[in-house]
């Protein structure tokens, strides 16, 4: 595998946590960061990602939030090999049925960690077409959900970014759903590939450094890895993107919708 064609993107809301967790990220690949401190995340981040990374020669894109703590980061390359061999376009963890506090749609993934065949998606990407897919039809997908240990809702459109995954599935693209088990703290979840632990997702990134409970909990998970103490990452090698007008655009959008609702009430 040519690692020059593999990249990693994080949409970061807490740079204090990112400086620690990113020392455990996969090595020898280009890293990109979208500054999410102004509220950018989810589908907004995906659209921004596609506009900024288009044409950069990326074939495989790993997406990992700052509250992802890798256990065996090199396994991402094994996952990519699996995806390449069996024609998977996306991999990730179902957003319903496998994490006790995520009871949403099991036909889509949660964006805390995923791998995209970026070259393939880049070729077919049409933002307006993607956004039209924020709906779910009864019995549309035939995944076997009988093994899922927790609650889920096959009709949920809770996350605005579901349209991205529904769009891909409706075009016949395949998702490799990874195994996940709850961590010892009953909040974090561990992600596995063929029985080997890839990472631990701690959740509550925004609370790190501000909420004592979650800060202590996440630090304990980090300390089990230990390696993050060897030094902070060289952020000069990270390519950072920030849409400085995003927060203002969202305020204007919300105000416009409010005015329209009042006018047509």
Protein backbone atom coordinates (compact mmCIF):
# COMPACT_ATOMS: atom_id res chain seq x y z
CA UNK A 1 0.00 0.00 0.00
CA UNK A 2 1.24 3.47 -0.91
CA UNK A 3 0.90 5.44 2.33
CA UNK A 4 1.33 8.66 0.38
CA UNK A 5 -2.18 8.04 -0.92
CA UNK A 6 -3.63 7.48 2.57
CA UNK A 7 -4.56 10.45 4.77
CA UNK A 8 -6.24 11.06 8.12
CA UNK A 9 -8.75 13.79 8.87
CA UNK A 10 -9.98 14.94 12.27
CA UNK A 11 -12.67 17.51 12.92
CA UNK A 12 -11.45 18.89 16.24
CA UNK A 13 -13.49 20.70 18.86
CA UNK A 14 -10.97 20.20 21.68
CA UNK A 15 -7.35 20.78 20.70
CA UNK A 16 -6.11 19.99 24.21
CA UNK A 17 -7.34 16.43 23.84
CA UNK A 18 -6.20 16.22 20.20
CA UNK A 19 -2.62 17.04 21.18
CA UNK A 20 -2.60 13.97 23.41
CA UNK A 21 -4.65 11.44 21.47
CA UNK A 22 -3.13 12.25 18.07
CA UNK A 23 0.28 11.01 19.22
CA UNK A 24 -1.28 7.54 18.95
CA UNK A 25 -2.70 8.05 15.45
CA UNK A 26 -1.43 5.97 12.50
CA UNK A 27 2.12 6.90 11.50
CA UNK A 28 3.66 8.09 8.24
CA UNK A 29 0.52 9.45 6.62
CA UNK A 30 -0.58 13.01 5.93
CA UNK A 31 -2.87 14.48 8.57
CA UNK A 32 -5.54 17.09 8.08
CA UNK A 33 -7.58 18.90 10.72
CA UNK A 34 -10.82 20.82 10.38
CA UNK A 35 -11.18 23.32 13.20
CA UNK A 36 -14.54 22.52 14.76
CA UNK A 37 -14.33 24.99 17.64
CA UNK A 38 -16.82 27.24 15.84
CA UNK A 39 -19.44 24.48 15.80
CA UNK A 40 -18.60 22.81 12.50
CA UNK A 41 -19.22 19.06 12.64
CA UNK A 42 -21.30 16.30 11.09
CA UNK A 43 -22.61 16.91 7.58
CA UNK A 44 -21.17 20.42 7.48
CA UNK A 45 -17.75 18.92 8.13
CA UNK A 46 -18.21 16.25 5.45
CA UNK A 47 -19.16 18.87 2.83
CA UNK A 48 -16.20 21.06 3.83
CA UNK A 49 -13.91 18.02 3.75
CA UNK A 50 -14.93 17.19 0.19
CA UNK A 51 -14.30 20.75 -0.97
CA UNK A 52 -10.89 21.02 0.67
CA UNK A 53 -9.45 17.57 -0.08
CA UNK A 54 -10.68 17.27 -3.64
CA UNK A 55 -7.86 16.80 -6.11
CA UNK A 56 -5.15 16.04 -3.54
CA UNK A 57 -4.57 12.49 -4.78
CA UNK A 58 -6.02 10.84 -1.67
CA UNK A 59 -7.23 7.30 -2.29
CA UNK A 60 -8.10 6.28 1.27
CA UNK A 61 -9.21 8.71 3.99
CA UNK A 62 -9.30 7.77 7.67
CA UNK A 63 -11.64 9.91 9.77
CA UNK A 64 -10.95 9.93 13.51
CA UNK A 65 -12.18 12.34 16.17
CA UNK A 66 -9.91 13.62 18.91
CA UNK A 67 -11.62 11.37 21.49
CA UNK A 68 -10.46 8.29 19.56
CA UNK A 69 -7.53 6.59 21.32
CA UNK A 70 -5.84 4.07 19.06
CA UNK A 71 -4.76 0.78 20.60
CA UNK A 72 -3.21 -0.74 17.47
CA UNK A 73 -3.21 2.03 14.88
CA UNK A 74 -1.43 -0.07 12.26
CA UNK A 75 -4.60 -2.16 11.91
CA UNK A 76 -6.17 0.63 9.85
CA UNK A 77 -4.00 -0.54 6.94
CA UNK A 78 -5.29 -4.09 7.36
CA UNK A 79 -8.82 -2.71 7.24
CA UNK A 80 -8.01 -0.80 4.05
CA UNK A 81 -6.67 -4.00 2.49
CA UNK A 82 -9.90 -5.77 3.42
CA UNK A 83 -11.98 -2.95 1.96
CA UNK A 84 -9.94 -2.94 -1.23
CA UNK A 85 -10.15 -6.72 -1.66
CA UNK A 86 -13.90 -6.93 -1.06
CA UNK A 87 -15.01 -3.66 -2.66
CA UNK A 88 -16.15 -1.79 0.46
CA UNK A 89 -16.52 1.98 0.11
CA UNK A 90 -16.90 2.84 3.81
CA UNK A 91 -16.21 1.17 7.13
CA UNK A 92 -17.30 2.16 10.61
CA UNK A 93 -19.48 1.30 13.61
CA UNK A 94 -23.26 1.19 13.38
CA UNK A 95 -24.99 4.17 15.03
CA UNK A 96 -27.57 1.92 16.62
CA UNK A 97 -27.58 -1.45 18.31
CA UNK A 98 -23.90 -1.83 19.26
CA UNK A 99 -23.27 1.07 21.66
CA UNK A 100 -25.58 1.19 24.64
CA UNK A 101 -26.18 4.95 24.50
CA UNK A 102 -26.49 5.15 20.71
CA UNK A 103 -29.97 3.90 19.86
CA UNK A 104 -30.28 5.47 16.43
CA UNK A 105 -30.11 4.06 12.90
CA UNK A 106 -28.09 0.84 12.49
CA UNK A 107 -27.98 1.23 8.69
CA UNK A 108 -25.58 4.19 9.01
CA UNK A 109 -22.35 4.61 10.94
CA UNK A 110 -21.31 7.09 13.59
CA UNK A 111 -18.61 9.42 12.29
CA UNK A 112 -16.25 9.17 15.29
CA UNK A 113 -14.16 6.72 13.23
CA UNK A 114 -14.44 5.60 9.65
CA UNK A 115 -12.39 4.86 6.56
CA UNK A 116 -13.53 6.06 3.15
CA UNK A 117 -12.54 5.00 -0.32
CA UNK A 118 -12.03 8.68 -1.00
CA UNK A 119 -10.97 8.24 -4.62
CA UNK A 120 -14.23 6.47 -5.39
CA UNK A 121 -16.42 8.91 -3.45
CA UNK A 122 -14.63 11.92 -4.92
CA UNK A 123 -15.49 10.69 -8.41
CA UNK A 124 -19.26 10.54 -7.76
CA UNK A 125 -19.66 13.32 -5.16
CA UNK A 126 -22.55 15.70 -5.76
CA UNK A 127 -23.41 17.72 -2.67
CA UNK A 128 -27.00 18.50 -3.67
CA UNK A 129 -27.71 14.84 -4.48
CA UNK A 130 -26.32 13.73 -1.12
CA UNK A 131 -28.52 16.14 0.84
CA UNK A 132 -31.66 14.79 -0.84
CA UNK A 133 -31.14 11.41 0.88
CA UNK A 134 -32.08 12.34 4.45
CA UNK A 135 -34.94 9.83 4.62
CA UNK A 136 -35.40 6.12 5.19
CA UNK A 137 -37.85 3.78 3.49
CA UNK A 138 -39.46 0.82 5.23
CA UNK A 139 -37.59 -2.42 4.54
CA UNK A 140 -35.18 -0.59 2.24
CA UNK A 141 -32.01 -2.23 3.54
CA UNK A 142 -31.72 -5.92 4.32
CA UNK A 143 -28.91 -6.00 6.91
CA UNK A 144 -29.13 -8.86 9.40
CA UNK A 145 -29.61 -7.03 12.71
CA UNK A 146 -30.51 -10.08 14.81
CA UNK A 147 -27.12 -10.14 16.53
CA UNK A 148 -27.17 -6.53 17.78
CA UNK A 149 -27.10 -6.45 21.60
CA UNK A 150 -28.65 -3.01 22.22
CA UNK A 151 -31.65 -0.96 21.11
CA UNK A 152 -31.85 0.74 17.73
CA UNK A 153 -34.35 2.52 15.48
CA UNK A 154 -34.38 1.58 11.79
CA UNK A 155 -36.58 4.61 11.02
CA UNK A 156 -34.29 7.16 12.69
CA UNK A 157 -32.96 10.15 10.76
CA UNK A 158 -31.55 11.66 13.96
CA UNK A 159 -28.16 12.65 12.55
CA UNK A 160 -28.13 15.06 9.58
CA UNK A 161 -25.10 13.22 8.18
CA UNK A 162 -27.09 10.00 7.65
CA UNK A 163 -27.89 11.26 4.16
CA UNK A 164 -24.23 10.72 3.19
CA UNK A 165 -24.34 7.01 4.03
CA UNK A 166 -27.87 6.46 2.71
CA UNK A 167 -26.78 8.12 -0.55
CA UNK A 168 -23.82 5.76 -0.87
CA UNK A 169 -25.93 2.70 -0.09
CA UNK A 170 -28.59 3.73 -2.61
CA UNK A 171 -25.87 3.87 -5.26
CA UNK A 172 -24.91 0.28 -4.44
CA UNK A 173 -21.83 1.09 -2.36
CA UNK A 174 -20.97 -1.33 0.45
CA UNK A 175 -20.29 -0.55 4.12
CA UNK A 176 -18.02 -2.73 6.23
CA UNK A 177 -19.52 -2.60 9.72
CA UNK A 178 -16.89 -3.07 12.41
CA UNK A 179 -17.41 -4.91 15.68
CA UNK A 180 -17.78 -2.78 18.81
CA UNK A 181 -17.96 -3.63 22.51
CA UNK A 182 -18.57 -1.40 25.50
CA UNK A 183 -15.57 -0.39 27.60
CA UNK A 184 -15.12 -0.95 31.32
CA UNK A 185 -16.49 2.53 32.12
CA UNK A 186 -19.80 1.72 30.36
CA UNK A 187 -19.41 4.91 28.30
CA UNK A 188 -16.49 4.30 25.97
CA UNK A 189 -16.62 1.68 23.25
CA UNK A 190 -13.84 -0.40 21.76
CA UNK A 191 -13.66 -1.13 18.04
CA UNK A 192 -12.31 -4.41 16.66
CA UNK A 193 -11.19 -5.82 13.32
CA UNK A 194 -11.10 -9.60 13.01
CA UNK A 195 -10.91 -9.93 16.80
CA UNK A 196 -8.11 -7.40 17.36
CA UNK A 197 -8.74 -4.11 19.15
CA UNK A 198 -8.15 -1.14 16.89
CA UNK A 199 -9.16 1.74 19.14
CA UNK A 200 -11.18 2.99 22.06
CA UNK A 201 -13.67 5.79 21.54
CA UNK A 202 -14.04 7.71 24.78
CA UNK A 203 -16.91 10.07 23.82
CA UNK A 204 -17.42 13.54 25.37
CA UNK A 205 -14.46 15.23 23.68
CA UNK A 206 -15.95 18.67 24.26
CA UNK A 207 -16.08 18.01 28.01
CA UNK A 208 -12.38 17.19 28.28
CA UNK A 209 -10.57 19.72 30.45
CA UNK A 210 -13.83 21.24 31.67
CA UNK A 211 -15.76 18.38 33.22
CA UNK A 212 -13.88 16.61 36.03
CA UNK A 213 -15.62 13.26 35.59
CA UNK A 214 -14.99 12.92 31.88
CA UNK A 215 -11.51 14.43 32.02
CA UNK A 216 -10.44 11.91 34.64
CA UNK A 217 -12.09 9.05 32.77
CA UNK A 218 -10.43 9.92 29.45
CA UNK A 219 -7.04 10.49 31.11
CA UNK A 220 -7.22 7.04 32.65
CA UNK A 221 -7.78 5.52 29.21
CA UNK A 222 -4.87 7.54 27.80
CA UNK A 223 -2.60 6.49 30.66
CA UNK A 224 -3.19 2.83 29.84
CA UNK A 225 -1.54 3.56 26.51
CA UNK A 226 1.21 5.66 28.06
CA UNK A 227 2.86 6.61 24.79
CA UNK A 228 1.15 10.00 24.62
CA UNK A 229 3.45 11.14 27.46
CA UNK A 230 6.51 10.86 25.24
CA UNK A 231 5.78 14.27 23.77
CA UNK A 232 3.19 16.33 21.98
CA UNK A 233 2.77 16.00 18.21
CA UNK A 234 4.43 18.36 15.79
CA UNK A 235 1.36 20.31 14.69
CA UNK A 236 3.42 22.08 12.03
CA UNK A 237 3.07 18.89 9.96
CA UNK A 238 -0.72 18.97 10.26
CA UNK A 239 -2.63 20.83 7.56
CA UNK A 240 -5.32 22.86 9.31
CA UNK A 241 -8.52 24.15 7.73
CA UNK A 242 -10.96 26.55 9.35
CA UNK A 243 -14.00 28.14 7.80
CA UNK A 244 -13.90 31.43 9.66
CA UNK A 245 -17.35 32.49 8.45
CA UNK A 246 -19.10 29.27 9.52
CA UNK A 247 -20.57 30.45 12.85
CA UNK A 248 -21.86 33.68 11.27
CA UNK A 249 -23.36 31.77 8.34
CA UNK A 250 -25.21 29.49 10.74
CA UNK A 251 -26.60 32.44 12.71
CA UNK A 252 -27.82 34.09 9.50
CA UNK A 253 -29.35 30.80 8.32
CA UNK A 254 -31.22 30.29 11.60
CA UNK A 255 -32.42 33.90 11.61
CA UNK A 256 -33.62 33.58 8.02
CA UNK A 257 -35.60 30.43 8.82
CA UNK A 258 -37.12 32.13 11.85
CA UNK A 259 -38.22 35.12 9.77
CA UNK A 260 -39.68 32.88 7.06
CA UNK A 261 -41.65 30.88 9.65
CA UNK A 262 -43.12 34.09 11.08
CA UNK A 263 -44.00 35.44 7.63
CA UNK A 264 -45.87 32.30 6.63
CA UNK A 265 -47.35 31.46 10.03
